[in-house]
Amino acid sequence: MTARNQPAFVLFGGTFNPVHLGHLGLIRGLLQREDVQRVFVVPAARNPFKAVDEPLPATLRLDMLQRALRGISGVSVLDLELRRGQPSYSVETVAALASKYPGVRLMLAMGWDVYETFGEWYNAGGILEQAGLMVVTRNGAPLPARGDRAAWLCGLPPGWRKRVRMGRDGTGRSDEGRELLKFINLRLPNISSTQIRNKHNSRQVPEAARDLLDTYWAAGG
């Protein structure tokens, strides 16, 4: 199997503030795909686009993720961004994985709303040099019209938009044939970490991790 066609190692990052059933559904949905071999879940120290959104303690978020995902084959929780401290950039994480797994096809999973701002990320082009983007839409949300190239490529840095050829299946490839964009749809519950924190209601948190959050709140966190 060529590198172009081999199943990908997918990086799914976020603050997971806290992890919830929507995150779990997305991870399971990725693992069910034939083009995905493994999912790396990477909690961030802080979301740079949500500076006023104070995250739960890093150790708590990490422990909750590890509990929620324990026993799911094909998924690993990596703490490299938490250990790296702030600022921590996705391009560094992708580089670390590319170095550890040379020759493996890497993809970075994100929702469409995140994809729309991807071009604003620190060294977004450096990420694309090493990994493609797997853009997840939810519950049958419509995608751009087949011929609307500008809409399909809207999240890429301007210099990269000319370097991508869009196929009829909605897959974007470089001139060398490397997959840079993949759009997939998953059926996921509509859950917000912000609402969970605001209401102090852990019902939408995976059961295995729920007691950790409840204990933190009971202690005044």
C-alpha atoms as a PDB file:
ATOM      1  CA  MET A   1       0.000   0.000   0.000  1.00  0.00           C
ATOM      2  CA  THR A   2       1.435   3.385  -0.970  1.00  0.00           C
ATOM      3  CA  ALA A   3       1.691   6.282   1.480  1.00  0.00           C
ATOM      4  CA  ARG A   4      -0.944   8.055  -0.602  1.00  0.00           C
ATOM      5  CA  ASN A   5      -3.512   5.305   0.014  1.00  0.00           C
ATOM      6  CA  GLN A   6      -2.559   3.971   3.446  1.00  0.00           C
ATOM      7  CA  PRO A   7      -4.911   4.603   6.387  1.00  0.00           C
ATOM      8  CA  ALA A   8      -4.067   7.784   8.245  1.00  0.00           C
ATOM      9  CA  PHE A   9      -2.978   8.559  11.758  1.00  0.00           C
ATOM     10  CA  VAL A  10      -5.408  11.322  12.743  1.00  0.00           C
ATOM     11  CA  LEU A  11      -4.602  14.052  15.252  1.00  0.00           C
ATOM     12  CA  PHE A  12      -7.631  15.428  17.119  1.00  0.00           C
ATOM     13  CA  GLY A  13      -6.752  18.374  19.340  1.00  0.00           C
ATOM     14  CA  GLY A  14      -8.707  20.713  21.572  1.00  0.00           C
ATOM     15  CA  THR A  15      -8.970  21.945  25.131  1.00  0.00           C
ATOM     16  CA  PHE A  16     -11.552  19.249  26.025  1.00  0.00           C
ATOM     17  CA  ASN A  17     -12.844  21.629  28.649  1.00  0.00           C
ATOM     18  CA  PRO A  18     -14.338  19.159  29.584  1.00  0.00           C
ATOM     19  CA  VAL A  19     -14.463  16.124  27.306  1.00  0.00           C
ATOM     20  CA  HIS A  20     -18.064  15.282  26.432  1.00  0.00           C
ATOM     21  CA  LEU A  21     -20.129  12.742  24.520  1.00  0.00           C
ATOM     22  CA  GLY A  22     -19.797  14.748  21.298  1.00  0.00           C
ATOM     23  CA  HIS A  23     -16.014  14.391  21.431  1.00  0.00           C
ATOM     24  CA  LEU A  24     -16.400  10.680  22.130  1.00  0.00           C
ATOM     25  CA  GLY A  25     -18.777  10.262  19.194  1.00  0.00           C
ATOM     26  CA  LEU A  26     -16.386  12.051  16.839  1.00  0.00           C
ATOM     27  CA  ILE A  27     -13.459   9.866  17.916  1.00  0.00           C
ATOM     28  CA  ARG A  28     -15.488   6.683  17.488  1.00  0.00           C
ATOM     29  CA  GLY A  29     -16.725   7.919  14.115  1.00  0.00           C
ATOM     30  CA  LEU A  30     -13.166   8.494  12.927  1.00  0.00           C
ATOM     31  CA  LEU A  31     -12.040   5.058  14.100  1.00  0.00           C
ATOM     32  CA  GLN A  32     -14.852   3.399  12.138  1.00  0.00           C
ATOM     33  CA  ARG A  33     -13.524   4.751   8.853  1.00  0.00           C
ATOM     34  CA  GLU A  34     -11.414   2.505   6.644  1.00  0.00           C
ATOM     35  CA  ASP A  35      -9.063   5.400   5.867  1.00  0.00           C
ATOM     36  CA  VAL A  36      -8.223   5.939   9.561  1.00  0.00           C
ATOM     37  CA  GLN A  37      -5.809   3.627  11.353  1.00  0.00           C
ATOM     38  CA  ARG A  38      -5.260   5.471  14.626  1.00  0.00           C
ATOM     39  CA  VAL A  39      -6.463   8.600  16.448  1.00  0.00           C
ATOM     40  CA  PHE A  40      -4.222  10.696  18.672  1.00  0.00           C
ATOM     41  CA  VAL A  41      -6.198  12.894  21.077  1.00  0.00           C
ATOM     42  CA  VAL A  42      -4.138  15.896  22.187  1.00  0.00           C
ATOM     43  CA  PRO A  43      -5.454  18.254  24.893  1.00  0.00           C
ATOM     44  CA  ALA A  44      -4.137  21.799  24.520  1.00  0.00           C
ATOM     45  CA  ALA A  45      -2.930  24.014  27.339  1.00  0.00           C
ATOM     46  CA  ARG A  46      -5.251  26.762  26.090  1.00  0.00           C
ATOM     47  CA  ASN A  47      -7.236  27.624  22.979  1.00  0.00           C
ATOM     48  CA  PRO A  48      -5.498  30.716  21.525  1.00  0.00           C
ATOM     49  CA  PHE A  49      -8.780  31.840  19.942  1.00  0.00           C
ATOM     50  CA  LYS A  50     -10.624  31.755  23.284  1.00  0.00           C
ATOM     51  CA  ALA A  51      -8.315  33.758  25.497  1.00  0.00           C
ATOM     52  CA  VAL A  52     -11.055  34.697  27.961  1.00  0.00           C
ATOM     53  CA  ASP A  53     -12.245  31.100  28.307  1.00  0.00           C
ATOM     54  CA  GLU A  54     -10.444  29.814  31.411  1.00  0.00           C
ATOM     55  CA  PRO A  55      -9.774  26.090  31.010  1.00  0.00           C
ATOM     56  CA  LEU A  56     -10.251  23.495  33.716  1.00  0.00           C
ATOM     57  CA  PRO A  57      -6.944  22.372  35.270  1.00  0.00           C
ATOM     58  CA  ALA A  58      -4.748  20.538  32.794  1.00  0.00           C
ATOM     59  CA  THR A  59      -4.352  17.488  35.024  1.00  0.00           C
ATOM     60  CA  LEU A  60      -8.128  17.187  35.380  1.00  0.00           C
ATOM     61  CA  ARG A  61      -8.758  17.484  31.640  1.00  0.00           C
ATOM     62  CA  LEU A  62      -6.056  14.899  30.926  1.00  0.00           C
ATOM     63  CA  ASP A  63      -7.338  12.455  33.560  1.00  0.00           C
ATOM     64  CA  MET A  64     -10.900  12.793  32.256  1.00  0.00           C
ATOM     65  CA  LEU A  65      -9.795  12.097  28.684  1.00  0.00           C
ATOM     66  CA  GLN A  66      -7.788   9.064  29.708  1.00  0.00           C
ATOM     67  CA  ARG A  67     -10.719   7.644  31.628  1.00  0.00           C
ATOM     68  CA  ALA A  68     -13.258   8.415  28.910  1.00  0.00           C
ATOM     69  CA  LEU A  69     -11.183   6.752  26.189  1.00  0.00           C
ATOM     70  CA  ARG A  70      -9.784   3.823  28.169  1.00  0.00           C
ATOM     71  CA  GLY A  71     -10.400   0.529  26.427  1.00  0.00           C
ATOM     72  CA  ILE A  72     -11.144   2.018  22.992  1.00  0.00           C
ATOM     73  CA  SER A  73      -8.832   0.310  20.528  1.00  0.00           C
ATOM     74  CA  GLY A  74      -6.877   2.535  18.171  1.00  0.00           C
ATOM     75  CA  VAL A  75      -6.896   5.728  20.251  1.00  0.00           C
ATOM     76  CA  SER A  76      -4.128   7.301  22.330  1.00  0.00           C
ATOM     77  CA  VAL A  77      -4.177  10.384  24.539  1.00  0.00           C
ATOM     78  CA  LEU A  78      -0.982  12.441  24.228  1.00  0.00           C
ATOM     79  CA  ASP A  79       0.054  15.036  26.812  1.00  0.00           C
ATOM     80  CA  LEU A  80       2.882  16.579  24.795  1.00  0.00           C
ATOM     81  CA  GLU A  81       1.170  19.983  24.428  1.00  0.00           C
ATOM     82  CA  LEU A  82       0.386  20.161  28.148  1.00  0.00           C
ATOM     83  CA  ARG A  83       4.006  19.296  28.968  1.00  0.00           C
ATOM     84  CA  ARG A  84       5.265  21.810  26.424  1.00  0.00           C
ATOM     85  CA  GLY A  85       3.422  24.616  28.189  1.00  0.00           C
ATOM     86  CA  GLN A  86       2.394  27.894  26.613  1.00  0.00           C
ATOM     87  CA  PRO A  87       2.560  28.912  23.915  1.00  0.00           C
ATOM     88  CA  SER A  88       2.123  25.532  22.245  1.00  0.00           C
ATOM     89  CA  TYR A  89       1.401  25.288  18.540  1.00  0.00           C
ATOM     90  CA  SER A  90      -0.151  22.547  16.433  1.00  0.00           C
ATOM     91  CA  VAL A  91       2.698  22.755  13.943  1.00  0.00           C
ATOM     92  CA  GLU A  92       5.053  21.583  16.699  1.00  0.00           C
ATOM     93  CA  THR A  93       2.769  18.690  17.569  1.00  0.00           C
ATOM     94  CA  VAL A  94       2.472  17.620  13.933  1.00  0.00           C
ATOM     95  CA  ALA A  95       6.253  17.837  13.552  1.00  0.00           C
ATOM     96  CA  ALA A  96       6.760  15.670  16.644  1.00  0.00           C
ATOM     97  CA  LEU A  97       4.415  12.986  15.313  1.00  0.00           C
ATOM     98  CA  ALA A  98       5.912  13.147  11.820  1.00  0.00           C
ATOM     99  CA  SER A  99       9.335  12.589  13.372  1.00  0.00           C
ATOM    100  CA  LYS A 100       8.140   9.697  15.548  1.00  0.00           C
ATOM    101  CA  TYR A 101       6.210   8.010  12.726  1.00  0.00           C
ATOM    102  CA  PRO A 102       8.197   8.684   9.534  1.00  0.00           C
ATOM    103  CA  GLY A 103       6.394   7.762   6.358  1.00  0.00           C
ATOM    104  CA  VAL A 104       2.972   7.640   8.028  1.00  0.00           C
ATOM    105  CA  ARG A 105       0.141   9.669   6.492  1.00  0.00           C
ATOM    106  CA  LEU A 106      -0.937  12.273   9.046  1.00  0.00           C
ATOM    107  CA  MET A 107      -4.277  14.097   9.100  1.00  0.00           C
ATOM    108  CA  LEU A 108      -5.508  16.802  11.452  1.00  0.00           C
ATOM    109  CA  ALA A 109      -9.223  16.499  12.331  1.00  0.00           C
ATOM    110  CA  MET A 110     -11.331  19.619  12.897  1.00  0.00           C
ATOM    111  CA  GLY A 111     -14.869  20.889  12.535  1.00  0.00           C
ATOM    112  CA  TRP A 112     -15.906  23.135   9.649  1.00  0.00           C
ATOM    113  CA  ASP A 113     -16.061  26.160  11.984  1.00  0.00           C
ATOM    114  CA  VAL A 114     -12.435  25.573  12.968  1.00  0.00           C
ATOM    115  CA  TYR A 115     -11.423  24.917   9.359  1.00  0.00           C
ATOM    116  CA  GLU A 116     -12.745  28.340   8.339  1.00  0.00           C
ATOM    117  CA  THR A 117     -10.110  29.991  10.574  1.00  0.00           C
ATOM    118  CA  PHE A 118      -7.305  27.497   9.962  1.00  0.00           C
ATOM    119  CA  GLY A 119      -5.422  29.940   7.742  1.00  0.00           C
ATOM    120  CA  GLU A 120      -5.010  32.203  10.789  1.00  0.00           C
ATOM    121  CA  TRP A 121      -3.198  29.523  12.816  1.00  0.00           C
ATOM    122  CA  TYR A 122       0.459  29.953  13.613  1.00  0.00           C
ATOM    123  CA  ASN A 123       2.453  28.547  10.653  1.00  0.00           C
ATOM    124  CA  ALA A 124      -0.594  26.931   9.077  1.00  0.00           C
ATOM    125  CA  GLY A 125       1.463  26.304   5.955  1.00  0.00           C
ATOM    126  CA  GLY A 126       3.992  24.381   8.024  1.00  0.00           C
ATOM    127  CA  ILE A 127       1.200  22.081   9.176  1.00  0.00           C
ATOM    128  CA  LEU A 128       0.118  21.439   5.574  1.00  0.00           C
ATOM    129  CA  GLU A 129       3.685  20.570   4.614  1.00  0.00           C
ATOM    130  CA  GLN A 130       3.451  17.617   7.008  1.00  0.00           C
ATOM    131  CA  ALA A 131      -0.236  16.710   7.320  1.00  0.00           C
ATOM    132  CA  GLY A 132      -3.601  17.023   5.627  1.00  0.00           C
ATOM    133  CA  LEU A 133      -6.857  18.282   7.111  1.00  0.00           C
ATOM    134  CA  MET A 134      -9.859  16.045   7.814  1.00  0.00           C
ATOM    135  CA  VAL A 135     -12.795  18.451   8.076  1.00  0.00           C
ATOM    136  CA  VAL A 136     -15.798  17.079   9.956  1.00  0.00           C
ATOM    137  CA  THR A 137     -19.336  18.328   9.371  1.00  0.00           C
ATOM    138  CA  ARG A 138     -22.205  17.148  11.552  1.00  0.00           C
ATOM    139  CA  ASN A 139     -25.558  15.534  10.987  1.00  0.00           C
ATOM    140  CA  GLY A 140     -25.785  16.009   7.237  1.00  0.00           C
ATOM    141  CA  ALA A 141     -24.837  19.687   7.249  1.00  0.00           C
ATOM    142  CA  PRO A 142     -24.603  20.874   3.616  1.00  0.00           C
ATOM    143  CA  LEU A 143     -21.210  21.361   1.997  1.00  0.00           C
ATOM    144  CA  PRO A 144     -20.392  23.910  -0.723  1.00  0.00           C
ATOM    145  CA  ALA A 145     -21.594  23.296  -4.255  1.00  0.00           C
ATOM    146  CA  ARG A 146     -19.323  20.961  -6.203  1.00  0.00           C
ATOM    147  CA  GLY A 147     -17.912  23.685  -8.439  1.00  0.00           C
ATOM    148  CA  ASP A 148     -17.479  26.325  -5.727  1.00  0.00           C
ATOM    149  CA  ARG A 149     -13.720  26.007  -5.402  1.00  0.00           C
ATOM    150  CA  ALA A 150     -13.363  29.171  -3.287  1.00  0.00           C
ATOM    151  CA  ALA A 151     -15.800  27.852  -0.678  1.00  0.00           C
ATOM    152  CA  TRP A 152     -14.107  24.443  -0.451  1.00  0.00           C
ATOM    153  CA  LEU A 153     -10.678  26.038   0.028  1.00  0.00           C
ATOM    154  CA  CYS A 154     -11.779  28.935   2.239  1.00  0.00           C
ATOM    155  CA  GLY A 155      -9.882  27.740   5.316  1.00  0.00           C
ATOM    156  CA  LEU A 156      -6.487  27.338   3.663  1.00  0.00           C
ATOM    157  CA  PRO A 157      -3.775  30.002   3.793  1.00  0.00           C
ATOM    158  CA  PRO A 158      -4.028  32.069   0.580  1.00  0.00           C
ATOM    159  CA  GLY A 159      -0.749  30.766  -0.789  1.00  0.00           C
ATOM    160  CA  TRP A 160      -1.982  27.182  -0.553  1.00  0.00           C
ATOM    161  CA  ARG A 161      -5.274  27.593  -2.368  1.00  0.00           C
ATOM    162  CA  LYS A 162      -3.579  27.461  -5.775  1.00  0.00           C
ATOM    163  CA  ARG A 163      -1.708  24.306  -4.761  1.00  0.00           C
ATOM    164  CA  VAL A 164      -4.794  22.156  -4.214  1.00  0.00           C
ATOM    165  CA  ARG A 165      -6.736  20.243  -6.855  1.00  0.00           C
ATOM    166  CA  MET A 166     -10.277  19.396  -5.788  1.00  0.00           C
ATOM    167  CA  GLY A 167     -11.645  16.047  -6.930  1.00  0.00           C
ATOM    168  CA  ARG A 168     -15.277  15.233  -7.617  1.00  0.00           C
ATOM    169  CA  ASP A 169     -15.430  13.369  -4.306  1.00  0.00           C
ATOM    170  CA  GLY A 170     -14.570  16.545  -2.379  1.00  0.00           C
ATOM    171  CA  THR A 171     -10.997  15.471  -1.700  1.00  0.00           C
ATOM    172  CA  GLY A 172      -8.266  18.056  -2.215  1.00  0.00           C
ATOM    173  CA  ARG A 173      -4.822  16.909  -3.315  1.00  0.00           C
ATOM    174  CA  SER A 174      -1.511  18.578  -3.964  1.00  0.00           C
ATOM    175  CA  ASP A 175       0.065  18.497  -7.406  1.00  0.00           C
ATOM    176  CA  GLU A 176       2.089  15.509  -6.169  1.00  0.00           C
ATOM    177  CA  GLY A 177      -1.107  13.653  -5.273  1.00  0.00           C
ATOM    178  CA  ARG A 178      -0.844  13.993  -1.492  1.00  0.00           C
ATOM    179  CA  GLU A 179      -4.205  14.293   0.229  1.00  0.00           C
ATOM    180  CA  LEU A 180      -4.484  17.749   1.813  1.00  0.00           C
ATOM    181  CA  LEU A 181      -8.248  18.050   2.362  1.00  0.00           C
ATOM    182  CA  LYS A 182     -10.856  15.449   3.223  1.00  0.00           C
ATOM    183  CA  PHE A 183     -14.449  16.360   4.114  1.00  0.00           C
ATOM    184  CA  ILE A 184     -16.500  13.846   6.097  1.00  0.00           C
ATOM    185  CA  ASN A 185     -19.887  13.935   7.812  1.00  0.00           C
ATOM    186  CA  LEU A 186     -20.653  12.309  11.151  1.00  0.00           C
ATOM    187  CA  ARG A 187     -23.869  12.098  13.163  1.00  0.00           C
ATOM    188  CA  LEU A 188     -22.991  13.718  16.491  1.00  0.00           C
ATOM    189  CA  PRO A 189     -24.943  15.115  19.442  1.00  0.00           C
ATOM    190  CA  ASN A 190     -25.094  18.891  19.787  1.00  0.00           C
ATOM    191  CA  ILE A 191     -23.184  19.422  23.041  1.00  0.00           C
ATOM    192  CA  SER A 192     -21.211  22.396  24.322  1.00  0.00           C
ATOM    193  CA  SER A 193     -18.405  22.245  26.873  1.00  0.00           C
ATOM    194  CA  THR A 194     -19.249  25.823  27.822  1.00  0.00           C
ATOM    195  CA  GLN A 195     -22.805  24.872  28.736  1.00  0.00           C
ATOM    196  CA  ILE A 196     -21.566  21.928  30.792  1.00  0.00           C
ATOM    197  CA  ARG A 197     -19.306  24.228  32.790  1.00  0.00           C
ATOM    198  CA  ASN A 198     -21.857  27.026  33.147  1.00  0.00           C
ATOM    199  CA  LYS A 199     -24.562  24.672  34.419  1.00  0.00           C
ATOM    200  CA  HIS A 200     -22.216  22.479  36.469  1.00  0.00           C
ATOM    201  CA  ASN A 201     -24.033  19.542  34.923  1.00  0.00           C
ATOM    202  CA  SER A 202     -21.878  16.541  34.017  1.00  0.00           C
ATOM    203  CA  ARG A 203     -24.686  14.524  32.396  1.00  0.00           C
ATOM    204  CA  GLN A 204     -23.128  14.943  28.918  1.00  0.00           C
ATOM    205  CA  VAL A 205     -19.662  13.910  30.132  1.00  0.00           C
ATOM    206  CA  PRO A 206     -18.680  10.255  29.483  1.00  0.00           C
ATOM    207  CA  GLU A 207     -19.713   8.228  32.506  1.00  0.00           C
ATOM    208  CA  ALA A 208     -16.209   6.947  33.230  1.00  0.00           C
ATOM    209  CA  ALA A 209     -14.954  10.526  33.716  1.00  0.00           C
ATOM    210  CA  ARG A 210     -18.034  12.078  35.300  1.00  0.00           C
ATOM    211  CA  ASP A 211     -17.035  11.599  38.943  1.00  0.00           C
ATOM    212  CA  LEU A 212     -13.757  13.450  38.419  1.00  0.00           C
ATOM    213  CA  LEU A 213     -15.581  16.573  37.293  1.00  0.00           C
ATOM    214  CA  ASP A 214     -18.257  16.304  39.994  1.00  0.00           C
ATOM    215  CA  THR A 215     -15.576  15.961  42.667  1.00  0.00           C
ATOM    216  CA  TYR A 216     -13.747  19.014  41.331  1.00  0.00           C
ATOM    217  CA  TRP A 217     -16.910  21.094  41.412  1.00  0.00           C
ATOM    218  CA  ALA A 218     -17.869  19.841  44.874  1.00  0.00           C
ATOM    219  CA  ALA A 219     -14.479  21.041  46.118  1.00  0.00           C
ATOM    220  CA  GLY A 220     -15.251  24.544  44.877  1.00  0.00           C
ATOM    221  CA  GLY A 221     -13.565  24.369  41.480  1.00  0.00           C
END
